[in-house]
Structures are given as structure tokens and as C-alpha cells.
């Protein structure tokens, strides 16, 4: 009995036969990169979300305007003929100023789209940079251009670093045929434009 107890105690202090294996660390995940189509899809999704929100806002605004018209008609009915004429003239002036402001903003938006295209940026960005004045809008365009250019350069740099050269890959500094140019995506064309503007313009 005593021997069995001693044997059991010794077993408690004995080292285990198997050495536990060290935990296996998972390799770090590579940074997430997006293709041109994925970027366009994200931009389109954001644009769709904003359009849906704008439609909902427009519906609420229309309902408020209808209520305002009803209230306005009730107030005019309480006025004398002279007071009503003066009030209607005031309303017409206010509506004219509102239409004028709307027209100016539409014209500024159209010009902004042209400016974005001339700077190799999507015209769909116009609603996000249009401001109250042309001067502030131009500041917004330049700010966006700097961020856009930096993002494009980073995307091109990441693509070049992760690209494996192949024998069929078209060169980007010369010898690009019209057919190869037509098959290039947006980033590849922009890369060619930055490296060889004359070749880029000759292929347009």
C-alpha cells in the first residue's frame, strides 16, 4: 500500500512524455487591393445610395411645399384685395430668386463636370464638389484632384509591385499598338499617359 502511494506521488512529479507543440501563427493577411471594376462598383453603390437618399428628401420637400401652399392660400384669403396683391407680388419675387439660384447652380454643375473631365476625373463627382460660388467650387476640384491623383498613383504603384512580368505583357513606355491600347483599363492608360504623354495622345 505504501509503495503504491509513493509510486503515485512520483508519477505526479514525472515530466510528461510528449512535449506540447508551439502554437502555429497565421501569416499576416496581405493588404486589400481593389480592381478598377471593384472601385467603379463601390463608387456606383455610393452614388445609388445618395440618389435614393436624394429622392426620399425630395418627396419630403414636396409634401412640405404642398402644405405651405395650402397655408399660404388660407392666409391670402384673409387679406384685403390691396394686401393680397402686395403679398402675391412678394411671393412672385421670392420664387423668381429661387429659380434664378437653381438655374445658376445647374449651370455651375455643368461647368464642374467639364472641369472634372478635363482633369481626368469622373464627372459623377460634380455634385460632391459644387459649392455656392465658382471660386469655392474650383478650390474643391483642386483639392479632390490632389487626393484622386495620390490614390491613382498608389494604385498603380501597388499594381506594379504585385504584377509578374510575362512575355505577352504590353510595354507601357513605348511600342504599344492601337489594339493593345484599346484593351488597357483605366489605370493602365493613366500609367501610360504619365510615362509617355506623346505616345498616349497618338493612340487616342
C-alpha atoms as a PDB file:
ATOM      1  CA  UNK A   1       0.000   0.000   0.000  1.00  0.00           C
ATOM      2  CA  UNK A   2       2.803   2.407   0.976  1.00  0.00           C
ATOM      3  CA  UNK A   3       4.772   1.527  -2.154  1.00  0.00           C
ATOM      4  CA  UNK A   4       1.732   2.197  -4.326  1.00  0.00           C
ATOM      5  CA  UNK A   5       1.264   5.606  -2.694  1.00  0.00           C
ATOM      6  CA  UNK A   6       4.933   6.531  -3.230  1.00  0.00           C
ATOM      7  CA  UNK A   7       4.742   5.360  -6.853  1.00  0.00           C
ATOM      8  CA  UNK A   8       1.670   7.536  -7.466  1.00  0.00           C
ATOM      9  CA  UNK A   9       3.331  10.583  -5.889  1.00  0.00           C
ATOM     10  CA  UNK A  10       6.400  10.117  -8.046  1.00  0.00           C
ATOM     11  CA  UNK A  11       4.200   9.980 -11.125  1.00  0.00           C
ATOM     12  CA  UNK A  12       2.771  13.388 -10.240  1.00  0.00           C
ATOM     13  CA  UNK A  13       6.271  14.905 -10.465  1.00  0.00           C
ATOM     14  CA  UNK A  14       7.287  12.998 -13.580  1.00  0.00           C
ATOM     15  CA  UNK A  15       7.656  15.052 -16.806  1.00  0.00           C
ATOM     16  CA  UNK A  16       5.081  14.306 -19.476  1.00  0.00           C
ATOM     17  CA  UNK A  17       6.223  12.086 -22.300  1.00  0.00           C
ATOM     18  CA  UNK A  18       5.022  14.423 -25.054  1.00  0.00           C
ATOM     19  CA  UNK A  19       6.205  17.995 -25.446  1.00  0.00           C
ATOM     20  CA  UNK A  20       3.324  20.302 -26.491  1.00  0.00           C
ATOM     21  CA  UNK A  21       3.820  21.800 -29.920  1.00  0.00           C
ATOM     22  CA  UNK A  22       4.178  25.574 -30.108  1.00  0.00           C
ATOM     23  CA  UNK A  23       1.106  27.388 -31.464  1.00  0.00           C
ATOM     24  CA  UNK A  24       1.184  27.963 -35.188  1.00  0.00           C
ATOM     25  CA  UNK A  25       0.985  31.624 -36.056  1.00  0.00           C
ATOM     26  CA  UNK A  26      -1.105  32.503 -39.076  1.00  0.00           C
ATOM     27  CA  UNK A  27       0.743  34.536 -41.716  1.00  0.00           C
ATOM     28  CA  UNK A  28      -0.343  38.180 -41.891  1.00  0.00           C
ATOM     29  CA  UNK A  29      -3.031  38.850 -44.449  1.00  0.00           C
ATOM     30  CA  UNK A  30      -1.854  40.817 -47.491  1.00  0.00           C
ATOM     31  CA  UNK A  31      -3.235  44.356 -47.827  1.00  0.00           C
ATOM     32  CA  UNK A  32      -6.583  44.513 -49.564  1.00  0.00           C
ATOM     33  CA  UNK A  33      -6.371  45.765 -53.129  1.00  0.00           C
ATOM     34  CA  UNK A  34      -9.208  46.561 -55.496  1.00  0.00           C
ATOM     35  CA  UNK A  35      -9.501  46.207 -59.243  1.00  0.00           C
ATOM     36  CA  UNK A  36     -10.817  49.032 -61.411  1.00  0.00           C
ATOM     37  CA  UNK A  37     -14.182  47.255 -61.705  1.00  0.00           C
ATOM     38  CA  UNK A  38     -14.409  46.884 -57.925  1.00  0.00           C
ATOM     39  CA  UNK A  39     -13.627  50.570 -57.422  1.00  0.00           C
ATOM     40  CA  UNK A  40     -16.269  51.524 -60.002  1.00  0.00           C
ATOM     41  CA  UNK A  41     -18.769  49.214 -58.288  1.00  0.00           C
ATOM     42  CA  UNK A  42     -18.120  50.874 -54.936  1.00  0.00           C
ATOM     43  CA  UNK A  43     -18.465  54.334 -56.469  1.00  0.00           C
ATOM     44  CA  UNK A  44     -21.706  53.265 -58.182  1.00  0.00           C
ATOM     45  CA  UNK A  45     -23.071  51.788 -54.950  1.00  0.00           C
ATOM     46  CA  UNK A  46     -22.328  55.022 -53.119  1.00  0.00           C
ATOM     47  CA  UNK A  47     -23.909  57.021 -55.940  1.00  0.00           C
ATOM     48  CA  UNK A  48     -27.039  54.831 -55.823  1.00  0.00           C
ATOM     49  CA  UNK A  49     -27.274  55.297 -52.061  1.00  0.00           C
ATOM     50  CA  UNK A  50     -27.024  59.057 -52.428  1.00  0.00           C
ATOM     51  CA  UNK A  51     -29.624  59.074 -55.209  1.00  0.00           C
ATOM     52  CA  UNK A  52     -32.061  57.075 -53.066  1.00  0.00           C
ATOM     53  CA  UNK A  53     -31.487  59.465 -50.185  1.00  0.00           C
ATOM     54  CA  UNK A  54     -31.985  62.450 -52.512  1.00  0.00           C
ATOM     55  CA  UNK A  55     -35.284  61.008 -53.789  1.00  0.00           C
ATOM     56  CA  UNK A  56     -36.540  60.494 -50.252  1.00  0.00           C
ATOM     57  CA  UNK A  57     -35.526  64.042 -49.360  1.00  0.00           C
ATOM     58  CA  UNK A  58     -37.296  65.333 -52.491  1.00  0.00           C
ATOM     59  CA  UNK A  59     -40.516  63.553 -51.506  1.00  0.00           C
ATOM     60  CA  UNK A  60     -40.450  65.108 -48.047  1.00  0.00           C
ATOM     61  CA  UNK A  61     -39.711  68.517 -49.550  1.00  0.00           C
ATOM     62  CA  UNK A  62     -42.608  68.195 -51.998  1.00  0.00           C
ATOM     63  CA  UNK A  63     -45.013  67.322 -49.159  1.00  0.00           C
ATOM     64  CA  UNK A  64     -43.800  70.328 -47.157  1.00  0.00           C
ATOM     65  CA  UNK A  65     -44.222  72.611 -50.175  1.00  0.00           C
ATOM     66  CA  UNK A  66     -47.796  71.423 -50.708  1.00  0.00           C
ATOM     67  CA  UNK A  67     -48.637  72.115 -47.073  1.00  0.00           C
ATOM     68  CA  UNK A  68     -47.045  75.544 -47.366  1.00  0.00           C
ATOM     69  CA  UNK A  69     -49.147  76.356 -50.444  1.00  0.00           C
ATOM     70  CA  UNK A  70     -52.347  75.411 -48.646  1.00  0.00           C
ATOM     71  CA  UNK A  71     -51.391  77.534 -45.663  1.00  0.00           C
ATOM     72  CA  UNK A  72     -50.417  80.418 -47.963  1.00  0.00           C
ATOM     73  CA  UNK A  73     -53.773  80.289 -49.754  1.00  0.00           C
ATOM     74  CA  UNK A  74     -55.596  80.387 -46.435  1.00  0.00           C
ATOM     75  CA  UNK A  75     -53.608  83.456 -45.335  1.00  0.00           C
ATOM     76  CA  UNK A  76     -54.222  85.267 -48.646  1.00  0.00           C
ATOM     77  CA  UNK A  77     -57.948  84.648 -48.337  1.00  0.00           C
ATOM     78  CA  UNK A  78     -57.973  86.623 -45.091  1.00  0.00           C
ATOM     79  CA  UNK A  79     -56.337  89.720 -46.628  1.00  0.00           C
ATOM     80  CA  UNK A  80     -57.947  92.655 -48.357  1.00  0.00           C
ATOM     81  CA  UNK A  81     -57.644  92.992 -52.133  1.00  0.00           C
ATOM     82  CA  UNK A  82     -54.797  95.525 -51.846  1.00  0.00           C
ATOM     83  CA  UNK A  83     -52.933  93.489 -49.239  1.00  0.00           C
ATOM     84  CA  UNK A  84     -53.399  90.335 -51.290  1.00  0.00           C
ATOM     85  CA  UNK A  85     -51.905  91.976 -54.402  1.00  0.00           C
ATOM     86  CA  UNK A  86     -48.855  93.163 -52.450  1.00  0.00           C
ATOM     87  CA  UNK A  87     -48.376  89.732 -50.871  1.00  0.00           C
ATOM     88  CA  UNK A  88     -48.658  87.941 -54.229  1.00  0.00           C
ATOM     89  CA  UNK A  89     -46.050  90.288 -55.723  1.00  0.00           C
ATOM     90  CA  UNK A  90     -43.702  89.472 -52.851  1.00  0.00           C
ATOM     91  CA  UNK A  91     -44.252  85.744 -53.398  1.00  0.00           C
ATOM     92  CA  UNK A  92     -43.514  86.075 -57.115  1.00  0.00           C
ATOM     93  CA  UNK A  93     -40.241  87.900 -56.394  1.00  0.00           C
ATOM     94  CA  UNK A  94     -39.176  85.191 -53.942  1.00  0.00           C
ATOM     95  CA  UNK A  95     -39.987  82.415 -56.429  1.00  0.00           C
ATOM     96  CA  UNK A  96     -38.062  84.275 -59.151  1.00  0.00           C
ATOM     97  CA  UNK A  97     -34.947  84.489 -56.951  1.00  0.00           C
ATOM     98  CA  UNK A  98     -35.223  80.818 -56.117  1.00  0.00           C
ATOM     99  CA  UNK A  99     -35.492  79.838 -59.795  1.00  0.00           C
ATOM    100  CA  UNK A 100     -32.560  82.094 -60.627  1.00  0.00           C
ATOM    101  CA  UNK A 101     -30.428  80.458 -57.926  1.00  0.00           C
ATOM    102  CA  UNK A 102     -31.426  76.998 -59.155  1.00  0.00           C
ATOM    103  CA  UNK A 103     -30.502  77.870 -62.747  1.00  0.00           C
ATOM    104  CA  UNK A 104     -27.105  79.232 -61.683  1.00  0.00           C
ATOM    105  CA  UNK A 105     -26.359  76.078 -59.701  1.00  0.00           C
ATOM    106  CA  UNK A 106     -27.309  73.843 -62.647  1.00  0.00           C
ATOM    107  CA  UNK A 107     -25.024  75.858 -64.918  1.00  0.00           C
ATOM    108  CA  UNK A 108     -22.212  75.665 -62.352  1.00  0.00           C
ATOM    109  CA  UNK A 109     -22.714  71.900 -62.053  1.00  0.00           C
ATOM    110  CA  UNK A 110     -22.452  71.518 -65.835  1.00  0.00           C
ATOM    111  CA  UNK A 111     -19.238  73.534 -65.895  1.00  0.00           C
ATOM    112  CA  UNK A 112     -17.887  71.492 -62.984  1.00  0.00           C
ATOM    113  CA  UNK A 113     -18.489  68.258 -64.899  1.00  0.00           C
ATOM    114  CA  UNK A 114     -16.479  69.660 -67.827  1.00  0.00           C
ATOM    115  CA  UNK A 115     -13.667  70.713 -65.482  1.00  0.00           C
ATOM    116  CA  UNK A 116     -13.551  67.253 -63.907  1.00  0.00           C
ATOM    117  CA  UNK A 117     -13.349  65.582 -67.324  1.00  0.00           C
ATOM    118  CA  UNK A 118     -10.519  67.911 -68.364  1.00  0.00           C
ATOM    119  CA  UNK A 119      -8.626  66.821 -65.241  1.00  0.00           C
ATOM    120  CA  UNK A 120      -9.165  63.078 -65.936  1.00  0.00           C
ATOM    121  CA  UNK A 121     -11.713  62.662 -63.153  1.00  0.00           C
ATOM    122  CA  UNK A 122     -15.234  61.187 -63.352  1.00  0.00           C
ATOM    123  CA  UNK A 123     -17.921  63.856 -63.971  1.00  0.00           C
ATOM    124  CA  UNK A 124     -20.140  61.985 -61.476  1.00  0.00           C
ATOM    125  CA  UNK A 125     -18.116  63.687 -58.727  1.00  0.00           C
ATOM    126  CA  UNK A 126     -19.637  67.077 -59.650  1.00  0.00           C
ATOM    127  CA  UNK A 127     -22.470  67.051 -57.047  1.00  0.00           C
ATOM    128  CA  UNK A 128     -19.893  66.444 -54.307  1.00  0.00           C
ATOM    129  CA  UNK A 129     -17.685  69.443 -55.139  1.00  0.00           C
ATOM    130  CA  UNK A 130     -20.159  72.076 -56.353  1.00  0.00           C
ATOM    131  CA  UNK A 131     -20.300  74.950 -53.867  1.00  0.00           C
ATOM    132  CA  UNK A 132     -22.207  78.229 -53.643  1.00  0.00           C
ATOM    133  CA  UNK A 133     -19.671  80.063 -55.802  1.00  0.00           C
ATOM    134  CA  UNK A 134     -17.469  79.191 -58.773  1.00  0.00           C
ATOM    135  CA  UNK A 135     -14.369  80.168 -56.778  1.00  0.00           C
ATOM    136  CA  UNK A 136     -15.120  77.747 -53.931  1.00  0.00           C
ATOM    137  CA  UNK A 137     -16.057  75.042 -56.432  1.00  0.00           C
ATOM    138  CA  UNK A 138     -12.673  75.402 -58.126  1.00  0.00           C
ATOM    139  CA  UNK A 139     -10.947  75.049 -54.744  1.00  0.00           C
ATOM    140  CA  UNK A 140     -12.942  71.865 -54.107  1.00  0.00           C
ATOM    141  CA  UNK A 141     -12.000  70.486 -57.542  1.00  0.00           C
ATOM    142  CA  UNK A 142      -8.302  71.113 -56.951  1.00  0.00           C
ATOM    143  CA  UNK A 143      -8.483  69.508 -53.517  1.00  0.00           C
ATOM    144  CA  UNK A 144     -10.239  66.472 -54.961  1.00  0.00           C
ATOM    145  CA  UNK A 145      -7.740  66.264 -57.814  1.00  0.00           C
ATOM    146  CA  UNK A 146      -4.812  66.094 -55.383  1.00  0.00           C
ATOM    147  CA  UNK A 147      -6.448  63.272 -53.419  1.00  0.00           C
ATOM    148  CA  UNK A 148      -7.559  61.493 -56.586  1.00  0.00           C
ATOM    149  CA  UNK A 149      -4.094  61.687 -58.147  1.00  0.00           C
ATOM    150  CA  UNK A 150      -2.466  60.375 -54.975  1.00  0.00           C
ATOM    151  CA  UNK A 151      -4.907  57.453 -54.867  1.00  0.00           C
ATOM    152  CA  UNK A 152      -4.320  56.634 -58.546  1.00  0.00           C
ATOM    153  CA  UNK A 153      -0.532  56.742 -58.148  1.00  0.00           C
ATOM    154  CA  UNK A 154      -0.732  54.457 -55.122  1.00  0.00           C
ATOM    155  CA  UNK A 155      -2.993  52.028 -57.012  1.00  0.00           C
ATOM    156  CA  UNK A 156      -0.572  51.980 -59.951  1.00  0.00           C
ATOM    157  CA  UNK A 157       2.409  51.504 -57.636  1.00  0.00           C
ATOM    158  CA  UNK A 158       0.685  48.627 -55.826  1.00  0.00           C
ATOM    159  CA  UNK A 159      -0.246  47.063 -59.140  1.00  0.00           C
ATOM    160  CA  UNK A 160       3.300  47.321 -60.488  1.00  0.00           C
ATOM    161  CA  UNK A 161       4.738  45.800 -57.319  1.00  0.00           C
ATOM    162  CA  UNK A 162       2.312  42.893 -57.384  1.00  0.00           C
ATOM    163  CA  UNK A 163       2.498  42.255 -61.132  1.00  0.00           C
ATOM    164  CA  UNK A 164       4.511  39.333 -62.502  1.00  0.00           C
ATOM    165  CA  UNK A 165       6.107  40.242 -65.859  1.00  0.00           C
ATOM    166  CA  UNK A 166       5.120  37.993 -68.729  1.00  0.00           C
ATOM    167  CA  UNK A 167       6.177  37.729 -72.344  1.00  0.00           C
ATOM    168  CA  UNK A 168       2.729  38.839 -73.518  1.00  0.00           C
ATOM    169  CA  UNK A 169       2.588  41.941 -71.354  1.00  0.00           C
ATOM    170  CA  UNK A 170       2.436  45.158 -73.377  1.00  0.00           C
ATOM    171  CA  UNK A 171       5.136  47.696 -72.559  1.00  0.00           C
ATOM    172  CA  UNK A 172       3.992  50.963 -71.030  1.00  0.00           C
ATOM    173  CA  UNK A 173       6.792  53.214 -72.213  1.00  0.00           C
ATOM    174  CA  UNK A 174       6.762  52.526 -75.939  1.00  0.00           C
ATOM    175  CA  UNK A 175       5.816  50.074 -78.659  1.00  0.00           C
ATOM    176  CA  UNK A 176       2.149  49.970 -77.631  1.00  0.00           C
ATOM    177  CA  UNK A 177      -0.140  49.194 -80.539  1.00  0.00           C
ATOM    178  CA  UNK A 178      -3.622  50.636 -81.028  1.00  0.00           C
ATOM    179  CA  UNK A 179      -5.110  47.218 -80.307  1.00  0.00           C
ATOM    180  CA  UNK A 180      -3.155  46.898 -77.058  1.00  0.00           C
ATOM    181  CA  UNK A 181      -4.208  50.411 -76.066  1.00  0.00           C
ATOM    182  CA  UNK A 182      -7.879  49.597 -76.638  1.00  0.00           C
ATOM    183  CA  UNK A 183      -7.584  46.613 -74.277  1.00  0.00           C
ATOM    184  CA  UNK A 184      -5.988  48.662 -71.473  1.00  0.00           C
ATOM    185  CA  UNK A 185      -8.079  49.519 -68.432  1.00  0.00           C
ATOM    186  CA  UNK A 186      -8.294  52.987 -66.930  1.00  0.00           C
ATOM    187  CA  UNK A 187      -5.292  52.625 -64.612  1.00  0.00           C
ATOM    188  CA  UNK A 188      -3.069  51.221 -67.378  1.00  0.00           C
ATOM    189  CA  UNK A 189      -3.958  54.089 -69.697  1.00  0.00           C
ATOM    190  CA  UNK A 190      -3.282  56.611 -66.951  1.00  0.00           C
ATOM    191  CA  UNK A 191       0.075  54.954 -66.259  1.00  0.00           C
ATOM    192  CA  UNK A 192       0.952  55.184 -69.962  1.00  0.00           C
ATOM    193  CA  UNK A 193      -0.094  58.837 -70.042  1.00  0.00           C
ATOM    194  CA  UNK A 194       2.177  59.655 -67.097  1.00  0.00           C
ATOM    195  CA  UNK A 195       5.171  57.823 -68.581  1.00  0.00           C
ATOM    196  CA  UNK A 196       4.793  58.731 -72.259  1.00  0.00           C
ATOM    197  CA  UNK A 197       2.292  61.523 -72.946  1.00  0.00           C
ATOM    198  CA  UNK A 198       3.154  61.729 -76.671  1.00  0.00           C
ATOM    199  CA  UNK A 199       2.527  58.022 -77.223  1.00  0.00           C
ATOM    200  CA  UNK A 200      -0.688  58.243 -75.198  1.00  0.00           C
ATOM    201  CA  UNK A 201      -2.014  61.138 -77.282  1.00  0.00           C
ATOM    202  CA  UNK A 202      -1.079  59.410 -80.535  1.00  0.00           C
ATOM    203  CA  UNK A 203      -3.178  56.388 -79.577  1.00  0.00           C
ATOM    204  CA  UNK A 204      -6.323  58.336 -78.699  1.00  0.00           C
END
